[in-house]
Amino acid sequence: MADSAQSNPYKAYWIAWAILLAITVTMLAAERLGMPRWFLILFLVAFMMVKATMISGTFMHLRYEHRRMALMVALGILLTSLTLFAFITPESWHVRERSAPNAQP
């Protein structure tokens, strides 16, 4: 009986992959539903955080590590996200100003 439980060691990976695929398809479909822009952004960010947690827990095996190791990885992801946000946001404002209908070349 115990032998049948160990027959597929990759079962957890396949389940995680299927869930990640379903979340990705849901995120892609959400853009076509005509949601308000602010809600769509919150929806997508929340699901991206869920996906990052699943990937790090399952495929990076952080689920079995000490809490400090998981905290260090989460802190690294947070700092990287904040750095990217700090650089991308001013650039997006610049692009928006230049692509406005009444913008001058």
PDB file of N, CA and C in Angstrom:
ATOM      1  N   MET A   1       0.819  -1.198   0.000  1.00  0.00           N
ATOM      2  CA  MET A   1       0.000   0.000   0.000  1.00  0.00           C
ATOM      3  C   MET A   1       0.861   1.260   0.000  1.00  0.00           C
ATOM      4  N   ALA A   2       1.939   1.233   0.781  1.00  0.00           N
ATOM      5  CA  ALA A   2       2.830   2.387   0.817  1.00  0.00           C
ATOM      6  C   ALA A   2       3.565   2.535  -0.507  1.00  0.00           C
ATOM      7  N   ASP A   3       3.745   1.430  -1.219  1.00  0.00           N
ATOM      8  CA  ASP A   3       4.436   1.473  -2.494  1.00  0.00           C
ATOM      9  C   ASP A   3       3.623   2.245  -3.535  1.00  0.00           C
ATOM     10  N   SER A   4       2.299   2.143  -3.483  1.00  0.00           N
ATOM     11  CA  SER A   4       1.462   2.864  -4.442  1.00  0.00           C
ATOM     12  C   SER A   4       1.462   4.369  -4.179  1.00  0.00           C
ATOM     13  N   ALA A   5       1.662   4.777  -2.928  1.00  0.00           N
ATOM     14  CA  ALA A   5       1.712   6.202  -2.601  1.00  0.00           C
ATOM     15  C   ALA A   5       2.996   6.833  -3.128  1.00  0.00           C
ATOM     16  N   GLN A   6       4.059   6.040  -3.233  1.00  0.00           N
ATOM     17  CA  GLN A   6       5.339   6.546  -3.710  1.00  0.00           C
ATOM     18  C   GLN A   6       5.557   6.283  -5.194  1.00  0.00           C
ATOM     19  N   SER A   7       4.540   5.847  -5.916  1.00  0.00           N
ATOM     20  CA  SER A   7       4.708   5.475  -7.314  1.00  0.00           C
ATOM     21  C   SER A   7       5.028   6.673  -8.205  1.00  0.00           C
ATOM     22  N   ASN A   8       4.559   7.854  -7.882  1.00  0.00           N
ATOM     23  CA  ASN A   8       4.813   9.021  -8.704  1.00  0.00           C
ATOM     24  C   ASN A   8       5.424  10.125  -7.835  1.00  0.00           C
ATOM     25  N   PRO A   9       6.757  10.220  -7.802  1.00  0.00           N
ATOM     26  CA  PRO A   9       7.381  11.246  -6.946  1.00  0.00           C
ATOM     27  C   PRO A   9       7.192  12.661  -7.470  1.00  0.00           C
ATOM     28  N   TYR A  10       6.761  12.811  -8.710  1.00  0.00           N
ATOM     29  CA  TYR A  10       6.591  14.131  -9.299  1.00  0.00           C
ATOM     30  C   TYR A  10       5.153  14.644  -9.223  1.00  0.00           C
ATOM     31  N   LYS A  11       4.319  13.964  -8.477  1.00  0.00           N
ATOM     32  CA  LYS A  11       2.907  14.338  -8.401  1.00  0.00           C
ATOM     33  C   LYS A  11       2.728  15.775  -7.885  1.00  0.00           C
ATOM     34  N   ALA A  12       3.479  16.150  -6.864  1.00  0.00           N
ATOM     35  CA  ALA A  12       3.368  17.510  -6.310  1.00  0.00           C
ATOM     36  C   ALA A  12       3.756  18.560  -7.349  1.00  0.00           C
ATOM     37  N   TYR A  13       4.757  18.245  -8.171  1.00  0.00           N
ATOM     38  CA  TYR A  13       5.178  19.177  -9.210  1.00  0.00           C
ATOM     39  C   TYR A  13       4.111  19.332 -10.292  1.00  0.00           C
ATOM     40  N   TRP A  14       3.498  18.232 -10.679  1.00  0.00           N
ATOM     41  CA  TRP A  14       2.452  18.289 -11.704  1.00  0.00           C
ATOM     42  C   TRP A  14       1.224  19.048 -11.200  1.00  0.00           C
ATOM     43  N   ILE A  15       0.883  18.842  -9.943  1.00  0.00           N
ATOM     44  CA  ILE A  15      -0.260  19.559  -9.362  1.00  0.00           C
ATOM     45  C   ILE A  15       0.042  21.062  -9.308  1.00  0.00           C
ATOM     46  N   ALA A  16       1.254  21.412  -8.851  1.00  0.00           N
ATOM     47  CA  ALA A  16       1.630  22.825  -8.799  1.00  0.00           C
ATOM     48  C   ALA A  16       1.643  23.426 -10.199  1.00  0.00           C
ATOM     49  N   TRP A  17       2.155  22.683 -11.162  1.00  0.00           N
ATOM     50  CA  TRP A  17       2.187  23.172 -12.543  1.00  0.00           C
ATOM     51  C   TRP A  17       0.768  23.421 -13.065  1.00  0.00           C
ATOM     52  N   ALA A  18      -0.149  22.508 -12.790  1.00  0.00           N
ATOM     53  CA  ALA A  18      -1.533  22.664 -13.246  1.00  0.00           C
ATOM     54  C   ALA A  18      -2.192  23.886 -12.604  1.00  0.00           C
ATOM     55  N   ILE A  19      -1.941  24.081 -11.319  1.00  0.00           N
ATOM     56  CA  ILE A  19      -2.512  25.242 -10.635  1.00  0.00           C
ATOM     57  C   ILE A  19      -1.920  26.541 -11.199  1.00  0.00           C
ATOM     58  N   LEU A  20      -0.606  26.555 -11.430  1.00  0.00           N
ATOM     59  CA  LEU A  20       0.035  27.740 -12.012  1.00  0.00           C
ATOM     60  C   LEU A  20      -0.488  28.018 -13.416  1.00  0.00           C
ATOM     61  N   LEU A  21      -0.718  26.975 -14.188  1.00  0.00           N
ATOM     62  CA  LEU A  21      -1.282  27.148 -15.523  1.00  0.00           C
ATOM     63  C   LEU A  21      -2.694  27.731 -15.442  1.00  0.00           C
ATOM     64  N   ALA A  22      -3.502  27.225 -14.517  1.00  0.00           N
ATOM     65  CA  ALA A  22      -4.864  27.743 -14.357  1.00  0.00           C
ATOM     66  C   ALA A  22      -4.848  29.214 -13.933  1.00  0.00           C
ATOM     67  N   ILE A  23      -3.935  29.565 -13.036  1.00  0.00           N
ATOM     68  CA  ILE A  23      -3.841  30.958 -12.603  1.00  0.00           C
ATOM     69  C   ILE A  23      -3.408  31.854 -13.769  1.00  0.00           C
ATOM     70  N   THR A  24      -2.454  31.384 -14.565  1.00  0.00           N
ATOM     71  CA  THR A  24      -1.992  32.160 -15.711  1.00  0.00           C
ATOM     72  C   THR A  24      -3.107  32.381 -16.719  1.00  0.00           C
ATOM     73  N   VAL A  25      -3.870  31.341 -17.014  1.00  0.00           N
ATOM     74  CA  VAL A  25      -4.986  31.479 -17.954  1.00  0.00           C
ATOM     75  C   VAL A  25      -6.036  32.435 -17.386  1.00  0.00           C
ATOM     76  N   THR A  26      -6.282  32.358 -16.089  1.00  0.00           N
ATOM     77  CA  THR A  26      -7.232  33.272 -15.447  1.00  0.00           C
ATOM     78  C   THR A  26      -6.753  34.717 -15.543  1.00  0.00           C
ATOM     79  N   MET A  27      -5.456  34.926 -15.357  1.00  0.00           N
ATOM     80  CA  MET A  27      -4.902  36.275 -15.459  1.00  0.00           C
ATOM     81  C   MET A  27      -5.030  36.816 -16.885  1.00  0.00           C
ATOM     82  N   LEU A  28      -4.782  35.973 -17.859  1.00  0.00           N
ATOM     83  CA  LEU A  28      -4.922  36.407 -19.247  1.00  0.00           C
ATOM     84  C   LEU A  28      -6.376  36.698 -19.603  1.00  0.00           C
ATOM     85  N   ALA A  29      -7.288  35.881 -19.103  1.00  0.00           N
ATOM     86  CA  ALA A  29      -8.709  36.088 -19.382  1.00  0.00           C
ATOM     87  C   ALA A  29      -9.251  37.332 -18.672  1.00  0.00           C
ATOM     88  N   ALA A  30      -8.647  37.677 -17.538  1.00  0.00           N
ATOM     89  CA  ALA A  30      -9.140  38.822 -16.764  1.00  0.00           C
ATOM     90  C   ALA A  30      -9.009  40.124 -17.545  1.00  0.00           C
ATOM     91  N   GLU A  31      -8.027  40.200 -18.411  1.00  0.00           N
ATOM     92  CA  GLU A  31      -7.855  41.427 -19.197  1.00  0.00           C
ATOM     93  C   GLU A  31      -8.973  41.628 -20.197  1.00  0.00           C
ATOM     94  N   ARG A  32      -9.615  40.577 -20.609  1.00  0.00           N
ATOM     95  CA  ARG A  32     -10.684  40.672 -21.606  1.00  0.00           C
ATOM     96  C   ARG A  32     -12.065  40.909 -20.989  1.00  0.00           C
ATOM     97  N   LEU A  33     -12.158  40.881 -19.676  1.00  0.00           N
ATOM     98  CA  LEU A  33     -13.461  41.011 -19.016  1.00  0.00           C
ATOM     99  C   LEU A  33     -13.934  42.451 -18.866  1.00  0.00           C
ATOM    100  N   GLY A  34     -13.077  43.412 -19.136  1.00  0.00           N
ATOM    101  CA  GLY A  34     -13.484  44.811 -19.034  1.00  0.00           C
ATOM    102  C   GLY A  34     -13.599  45.299 -17.601  1.00  0.00           C
ATOM    103  N   MET A  35     -12.749  44.800 -16.738  1.00  0.00           N
ATOM    104  CA  MET A  35     -12.743  45.258 -15.351  1.00  0.00           C
ATOM    105  C   MET A  35     -12.192  46.680 -15.277  1.00  0.00           C
ATOM    106  N   PRO A  36     -12.525  47.413 -14.218  1.00  0.00           N
ATOM    107  CA  PRO A  36     -11.893  48.720 -14.029  1.00  0.00           C
ATOM    108  C   PRO A  36     -10.377  48.549 -13.919  1.00  0.00           C
ATOM    109  N   ARG A  37      -9.640  49.524 -14.409  1.00  0.00           N
ATOM    110  CA  ARG A  37      -8.170  49.408 -14.485  1.00  0.00           C
ATOM    111  C   ARG A  37      -7.547  49.164 -13.116  1.00  0.00           C
ATOM    112  N   TRP A  38      -7.985  49.890 -12.095  1.00  0.00           N
ATOM    113  CA  TRP A  38      -7.392  49.746 -10.763  1.00  0.00           C
ATOM    114  C   TRP A  38      -7.647  48.345 -10.201  1.00  0.00           C
ATOM    115  N   PHE A  39      -8.834  47.800 -10.454  1.00  0.00           N
ATOM    116  CA  PHE A  39      -9.143  46.464  -9.958  1.00  0.00           C
ATOM    117  C   PHE A  39      -8.340  45.408 -10.699  1.00  0.00           C
ATOM    118  N   LEU A  40      -8.177  45.591 -12.005  1.00  0.00           N
ATOM    119  CA  LEU A  40      -7.395  44.649 -12.794  1.00  0.00           C
ATOM    120  C   LEU A  40      -5.952  44.604 -12.310  1.00  0.00           C
ATOM    121  N   ILE A  41      -5.379  45.759 -12.008  1.00  0.00           N
ATOM    122  CA  ILE A  41      -3.998  45.808 -11.525  1.00  0.00           C
ATOM    123  C   ILE A  41      -3.881  45.102 -10.176  1.00  0.00           C
ATOM    124  N   LEU A  42      -4.802  45.370  -9.267  1.00  0.00           N
ATOM    125  CA  LEU A  42      -4.778  44.691  -7.965  1.00  0.00           C
ATOM    126  C   LEU A  42      -4.966  43.184  -8.123  1.00  0.00           C
ATOM    127  N   PHE A  43      -5.857  42.784  -9.004  1.00  0.00           N
ATOM    128  CA  PHE A  43      -6.121  41.375  -9.277  1.00  0.00           C
ATOM    129  C   PHE A  43      -4.869  40.684  -9.801  1.00  0.00           C
ATOM    130  N   LEU A  44      -4.215  41.306 -10.780  1.00  0.00           N
ATOM    131  CA  LEU A  44      -3.024  40.707 -11.380  1.00  0.00           C
ATOM    132  C   LEU A  44      -1.861  40.644 -10.395  1.00  0.00           C
ATOM    133  N   VAL A  45      -1.670  41.689  -9.612  1.00  0.00           N
ATOM    134  CA  VAL A  45      -0.584  41.701  -8.630  1.00  0.00           C
ATOM    135  C   VAL A  45      -0.817  40.633  -7.563  1.00  0.00           C
ATOM    136  N   ALA A  46      -2.049  40.495  -7.107  1.00  0.00           N
ATOM    137  CA  ALA A  46      -2.352  39.479  -6.096  1.00  0.00           C
ATOM    138  C   ALA A  46      -2.068  38.076  -6.628  1.00  0.00           C
ATOM    139  N   PHE A  47      -2.494  37.807  -7.851  1.00  0.00           N
ATOM    140  CA  PHE A  47      -2.240  36.485  -8.412  1.00  0.00           C
ATOM    141  C   PHE A  47      -0.754  36.271  -8.715  1.00  0.00           C
ATOM    142  N   MET A  48      -0.022  37.320  -9.061  1.00  0.00           N
ATOM    143  CA  MET A  48       1.421  37.174  -9.260  1.00  0.00           C
ATOM    144  C   MET A  48       2.115  36.821  -7.951  1.00  0.00           C
ATOM    145  N   MET A  49       1.641  37.395  -6.855  1.00  0.00           N
ATOM    146  CA  MET A  49       2.214  37.068  -5.552  1.00  0.00           C
ATOM    147  C   MET A  49       1.920  35.613  -5.179  1.00  0.00           C
ATOM    148  N   VAL A  50       0.718  35.152  -5.483  1.00  0.00           N
ATOM    149  CA  VAL A  50       0.375  33.752  -5.225  1.00  0.00           C
ATOM    150  C   VAL A  50       1.261  32.832  -6.058  1.00  0.00           C
ATOM    151  N   LYS A  51       1.456  33.179  -7.323  1.00  0.00           N
ATOM    152  CA  LYS A  51       2.303  32.367  -8.191  1.00  0.00           C
ATOM    153  C   LYS A  51       3.750  32.354  -7.696  1.00  0.00           C
ATOM    154  N   ALA A  52       4.272  33.495  -7.289  1.00  0.00           N
ATOM    155  CA  ALA A  52       5.647  33.550  -6.785  1.00  0.00           C
ATOM    156  C   ALA A  52       5.807  32.701  -5.531  1.00  0.00           C
ATOM    157  N   THR A  53       4.808  32.727  -4.663  1.00  0.00           N
ATOM    158  CA  THR A  53       4.849  31.917  -3.450  1.00  0.00           C
ATOM    159  C   THR A  53       4.814  30.434  -3.783  1.00  0.00           C
ATOM    160  N   MET A  54       3.954  30.045  -4.720  1.00  0.00           N
ATOM    161  CA  MET A  54       3.876  28.638  -5.106  1.00  0.00           C
ATOM    162  C   MET A  54       5.169  28.156  -5.758  1.00  0.00           C
ATOM    163  N   ILE A  55       5.731  28.983  -6.632  1.00  0.00           N
ATOM    164  CA  ILE A  55       6.964  28.598  -7.313  1.00  0.00           C
ATOM    165  C   ILE A  55       8.107  28.460  -6.316  1.00  0.00           C
ATOM    166  N   SER A  56       8.244  29.432  -5.435  1.00  0.00           N
ATOM    167  CA  SER A  56       9.341  29.364  -4.472  1.00  0.00           C
ATOM    168  C   SER A  56       9.145  28.233  -3.472  1.00  0.00           C
ATOM    169  N   GLY A  57       7.925  27.979  -3.082  1.00  0.00           N
ATOM    170  CA  GLY A  57       7.682  26.905  -2.130  1.00  0.00           C
ATOM    171  C   GLY A  57       7.838  25.524  -2.726  1.00  0.00           C
ATOM    172  N   THR A  58       7.365  25.346  -3.956  1.00  0.00           N
ATOM    173  CA  THR A  58       7.376  24.022  -4.570  1.00  0.00           C
ATOM    174  C   THR A  58       8.663  23.739  -5.326  1.00  0.00           C
ATOM    175  N   PHE A  59       9.010  24.594  -6.267  1.00  0.00           N
ATOM    176  CA  PHE A  59      10.126  24.300  -7.152  1.00  0.00           C
ATOM    177  C   PHE A  59      11.480  24.699  -6.568  1.00  0.00           C
ATOM    178  N   MET A  60      11.501  25.675  -5.671  1.00  0.00           N
ATOM    179  CA  MET A  60      12.750  26.048  -5.016  1.00  0.00           C
ATOM    180  C   MET A  60      12.887  25.356  -3.655  1.00  0.00           C
ATOM    181  N   HIS A  61      11.904  24.565  -3.303  1.00  0.00           N
ATOM    182  CA  HIS A  61      11.896  23.758  -2.073  1.00  0.00           C
ATOM    183  C   HIS A  61      12.014  24.591  -0.802  1.00  0.00           C
ATOM    184  N   LEU A  62      11.517  25.820  -0.832  1.00  0.00           N
ATOM    185  CA  LEU A  62      11.565  26.658   0.367  1.00  0.00           C
ATOM    186  C   LEU A  62      10.556  26.210   1.419  1.00  0.00           C
ATOM    187  N   ARG A  63       9.622  25.399   1.014  1.00  0.00           N
ATOM    188  CA  ARG A  63       8.631  24.890   1.959  1.00  0.00           C
ATOM    189  C   ARG A  63       9.304  24.065   3.060  1.00  0.00           C
ATOM    190  N   TYR A  64      10.440  23.463   2.734  1.00  0.00           N
ATOM    191  CA  TYR A  64      11.111  22.573   3.678  1.00  0.00           C
ATOM    192  C   TYR A  64      12.318  23.225   4.354  1.00  0.00           C
ATOM    193  N   GLU A  65      12.564  24.483   4.059  1.00  0.00           N
ATOM    194  CA  GLU A  65      13.708  25.195   4.643  1.00  0.00           C
ATOM    195  C   GLU A  65      13.289  25.881   5.938  1.00  0.00           C
ATOM    196  N   HIS A  66      14.311  26.392   6.630  1.00  0.00           N
ATOM    197  CA  HIS A  66      14.037  27.172   7.832  1.00  0.00           C
ATOM    198  C   HIS A  66      13.326  28.462   7.441  1.00  0.00           C
ATOM    199  N   ARG A  67      12.584  29.002   8.361  1.00  0.00           N
ATOM    200  CA  ARG A  67      11.823  30.223   8.084  1.00  0.00           C
ATOM    201  C   ARG A  67      12.747  31.386   7.703  1.00  0.00           C
ATOM    202  N   ARG A  68      13.938  31.405   8.284  1.00  0.00           N
ATOM    203  CA  ARG A  68      14.858  32.499   7.962  1.00  0.00           C
ATOM    204  C   ARG A  68      15.256  32.488   6.492  1.00  0.00           C
ATOM    205  N   MET A  69      15.459  31.305   5.937  1.00  0.00           N
ATOM    206  CA  MET A  69      15.831  31.212   4.522  1.00  0.00           C
ATOM    207  C   MET A  69      14.686  31.711   3.643  1.00  0.00           C
ATOM    208  N   ALA A  70      13.475  31.307   3.944  1.00  0.00           N
ATOM    209  CA  ALA A  70      12.313  31.775   3.180  1.00  0.00           C
ATOM    210  C   ALA A  70      12.155  33.284   3.336  1.00  0.00           C
ATOM    211  N   LEU A  71      12.426  33.809   4.516  1.00  0.00           N
ATOM    212  CA  LEU A  71      12.341  35.251   4.746  1.00  0.00           C
ATOM    213  C   LEU A  71      13.392  36.002   3.933  1.00  0.00           C
ATOM    214  N   MET A  72      14.594  35.447   3.848  1.00  0.00           N
ATOM    215  CA  MET A  72      15.644  36.080   3.056  1.00  0.00           C
ATOM    216  C   MET A  72      15.268  36.126   1.575  1.00  0.00           C
ATOM    217  N   VAL A  73      14.701  35.057   1.052  1.00  0.00           N
ATOM    218  CA  VAL A  73      14.290  35.028  -0.351  1.00  0.00           C
ATOM    219  C   VAL A  73      13.148  36.018  -0.573  1.00  0.00           C
ATOM    220  N   ALA A  74      12.170  36.025   0.327  1.00  0.00           N
ATOM    221  CA  ALA A  74      11.045  36.958   0.198  1.00  0.00           C
ATOM    222  C   ALA A  74      11.524  38.409   0.269  1.00  0.00           C
ATOM    223  N   LEU A  75      12.475  38.683   1.145  1.00  0.00           N
ATOM    224  CA  LEU A  75      13.016  40.036   1.251  1.00  0.00           C
ATOM    225  C   LEU A  75      13.751  40.418  -0.029  1.00  0.00           C
ATOM    226  N   GLY A  76      14.481  39.481  -0.614  1.00  0.00           N
ATOM    227  CA  GLY A  76      15.165  39.745  -1.879  1.00  0.00           C
ATOM    228  C   GLY A  76      14.185  40.051  -3.001  1.00  0.00           C
ATOM    229  N   ILE A  77      13.112  39.298  -3.066  1.00  0.00           N
ATOM    230  CA  ILE A  77      12.087  39.532  -4.088  1.00  0.00           C
ATOM    231  C   ILE A  77      11.434  40.892  -3.870  1.00  0.00           C
ATOM    232  N   LEU A  78      11.146  41.230  -2.623  1.00  0.00           N
ATOM    233  CA  LEU A  78      10.527  42.516  -2.308  1.00  0.00           C
ATOM    234  C   LEU A  78      11.445  43.685  -2.679  1.00  0.00           C
ATOM    235  N   LEU A  79      12.712  43.590  -2.316  1.00  0.00           N
ATOM    236  CA  LEU A  79      13.647  44.673  -2.636  1.00  0.00           C
ATOM    237  C   LEU A  79      13.846  44.810  -4.142  1.00  0.00           C
ATOM    238  N   THR A  80      13.904  43.702  -4.850  1.00  0.00           N
ATOM    239  CA  THR A  80      14.030  43.757  -6.299  1.00  0.00           C
ATOM    240  C   THR A  80      12.792  44.393  -6.917  1.00  0.00           C
ATOM    241  N   SER A  81      11.620  44.042  -6.418  1.00  0.00           N
ATOM    242  CA  SER A  81      10.380  44.621  -6.933  1.00  0.00           C
ATOM    243  C   SER A  81      10.323  46.117  -6.682  1.00  0.00           C
ATOM    244  N   LEU A  82      10.716  46.546  -5.499  1.00  0.00           N
ATOM    245  CA  LEU A  82      10.718  47.977  -5.189  1.00  0.00           C
ATOM    246  C   LEU A  82      11.721  48.741  -6.048  1.00  0.00           C
ATOM    247  N   THR A  83      12.887  48.143  -6.294  1.00  0.00           N
ATOM    248  CA  THR A  83      13.882  48.787  -7.148  1.00  0.00           C
ATOM    249  C   THR A  83      13.361  48.930  -8.569  1.00  0.00           C
ATOM    250  N   LEU A  84      12.775  47.866  -9.106  1.00  0.00           N
ATOM    251  CA  LEU A  84      12.210  47.942 -10.444  1.00  0.00           C
ATOM    252  C   LEU A  84      11.089  48.973 -10.514  1.00  0.00           C
ATOM    253  N   PHE A  85      10.243  49.001  -9.500  1.00  0.00           N
ATOM    254  CA  PHE A  85       9.162  49.979  -9.460  1.00  0.00           C
ATOM    255  C   PHE A  85       9.717  51.399  -9.457  1.00  0.00           C
ATOM    256  N   ALA A  86      10.793  51.608  -8.693  1.00  0.00           N
ATOM    257  CA  ALA A  86      11.384  52.944  -8.607  1.00  0.00           C
ATOM    258  C   ALA A  86      11.952  53.402  -9.950  1.00  0.00           C
ATOM    259  N   PHE A  87      12.465  52.474 -10.744  1.00  0.00           N
ATOM    260  CA  PHE A  87      13.028  52.852 -12.040  1.00  0.00           C
ATOM    261  C   PHE A  87      11.982  52.891 -13.147  1.00  0.00           C
ATOM    262  N   ILE A  88      11.009  52.016 -13.099  1.00  0.00           N
ATOM    263  CA  ILE A  88      10.041  51.907 -14.190  1.00  0.00           C
ATOM    264  C   ILE A  88       8.970  52.991 -14.104  1.00  0.00           C
ATOM    265  N   THR A  89       8.549  53.366 -12.916  1.00  0.00           N
ATOM    266  CA  THR A  89       7.468  54.337 -12.769  1.00  0.00           C
ATOM    267  C   THR A  89       7.785  55.693 -13.403  1.00  0.00           C
ATOM    268  N   PRO A  90       8.937  56.301 -13.114  1.00  0.00           N
ATOM    269  CA  PRO A  90       9.220  57.593 -13.786  1.00  0.00           C
ATOM    270  C   PRO A  90       9.315  57.447 -15.306  1.00  0.00           C
ATOM    271  N   GLU A  91       9.840  56.336 -15.773  1.00  0.00           N
ATOM    272  CA  GLU A  91       9.932  56.127 -17.212  1.00  0.00           C
ATOM    273  C   GLU A  91       8.538  56.001 -17.833  1.00  0.00           C
ATOM    274  N   SER A  92       7.626  55.353 -17.137  1.00  0.00           N
ATOM    275  CA  SER A  92       6.264  55.224 -17.674  1.00  0.00           C
ATOM    276  C   SER A  92       5.570  56.578 -17.711  1.00  0.00           C
ATOM    277  N   TRP A  93       5.846  57.442 -16.743  1.00  0.00           N
ATOM    278  CA  TRP A  93       5.277  58.787 -16.779  1.00  0.00           C
ATOM    279  C   TRP A  93       5.815  59.559 -17.981  1.00  0.00           C
ATOM    280  N   HIS A  94       7.097  59.396 -18.250  1.00  0.00           N
ATOM    281  CA  HIS A  94       7.714  60.075 -19.390  1.00  0.00           C
ATOM    282  C   HIS A  94       7.091  59.588 -20.704  1.00  0.00           C
ATOM    283  N   VAL A  95       6.909  58.300 -20.838  1.00  0.00           N
ATOM    284  CA  VAL A  95       6.300  57.744 -22.053  1.00  0.00           C
ATOM    285  C   VAL A  95       4.863  58.229 -22.192  1.00  0.00           C
ATOM    286  N   ARG A  96       4.146  58.280 -21.090  1.00  0.00           N
ATOM    287  CA  ARG A  96       2.754  58.741 -21.138  1.00  0.00           C
ATOM    288  C   ARG A  96       2.669  60.195 -21.567  1.00  0.00           C
ATOM    289  N   GLU A  97       3.568  61.035 -21.072  1.00  0.00           N
ATOM    290  CA  GLU A  97       3.572  62.455 -21.443  1.00  0.00           C
ATOM    291  C   GLU A  97       3.888  62.624 -22.922  1.00  0.00           C
ATOM    292  N   ARG A  98       4.830  61.853 -23.425  1.00  0.00           N
ATOM    293  CA  ARG A  98       5.228  61.993 -24.827  1.00  0.00           C
ATOM    294  C   ARG A  98       4.200  61.396 -25.788  1.00  0.00           C
ATOM    295  N   SER A  99       3.403  60.466 -25.331  1.00  0.00           N
ATOM    296  CA  SER A  99       2.412  59.851 -26.226  1.00  0.00           C
ATOM    297  C   SER A  99       1.029  60.481 -26.087  1.00  0.00           C
ATOM    298  N   ALA A 100       0.920  61.523 -25.305  1.00  0.00           N
ATOM    299  CA  ALA A 100      -0.372  62.225 -25.173  1.00  0.00           C
ATOM    300  C   ALA A 100      -0.761  62.825 -26.530  1.00  0.00           C
ATOM    301  N   PRO A 101      -2.063  62.927 -26.819  1.00  0.00           N
ATOM    302  CA  PRO A 101      -2.509  63.433 -28.112  1.00  0.00           C
ATOM    303  C   PRO A 101      -2.044  64.853 -28.422  1.00  0.00           C
ATOM    304  N   ASN A 102      -1.906  65.704 -27.415  1.00  0.00           N
ATOM    305  CA  ASN A 102      -1.517  67.089 -27.675  1.00  0.00           C
ATOM    306  C   ASN A 102      -0.044  67.340 -27.369  1.00  0.00           C
ATOM    307  N   ALA A 103       0.747  66.289 -27.264  1.00  0.00           N
ATOM    308  CA  ALA A 103       2.177  66.446 -26.993  1.00  0.00           C
ATOM    309  C   ALA A 103       2.904  66.953 -28.226  1.00  0.00           C
ATOM    310  N   GLN A 104       3.871  67.802 -27.996  1.00  0.00           N
ATOM    311  CA  GLN A 104       4.655  68.344 -29.101  1.00  0.00           C
ATOM    312  C   GLN A 104       5.956  67.578 -29.226  1.00  0.00           C
ATOM    313  N   PRO A 105       6.440  67.359 -30.445  1.00  0.00           N
ATOM    314  CA  PRO A 105       7.662  66.572 -30.648  1.00  0.00           C
ATOM    315  C   PRO A 105       8.910  67.236 -30.147  1.00  0.00           C
TER     316      PRO A 105
END
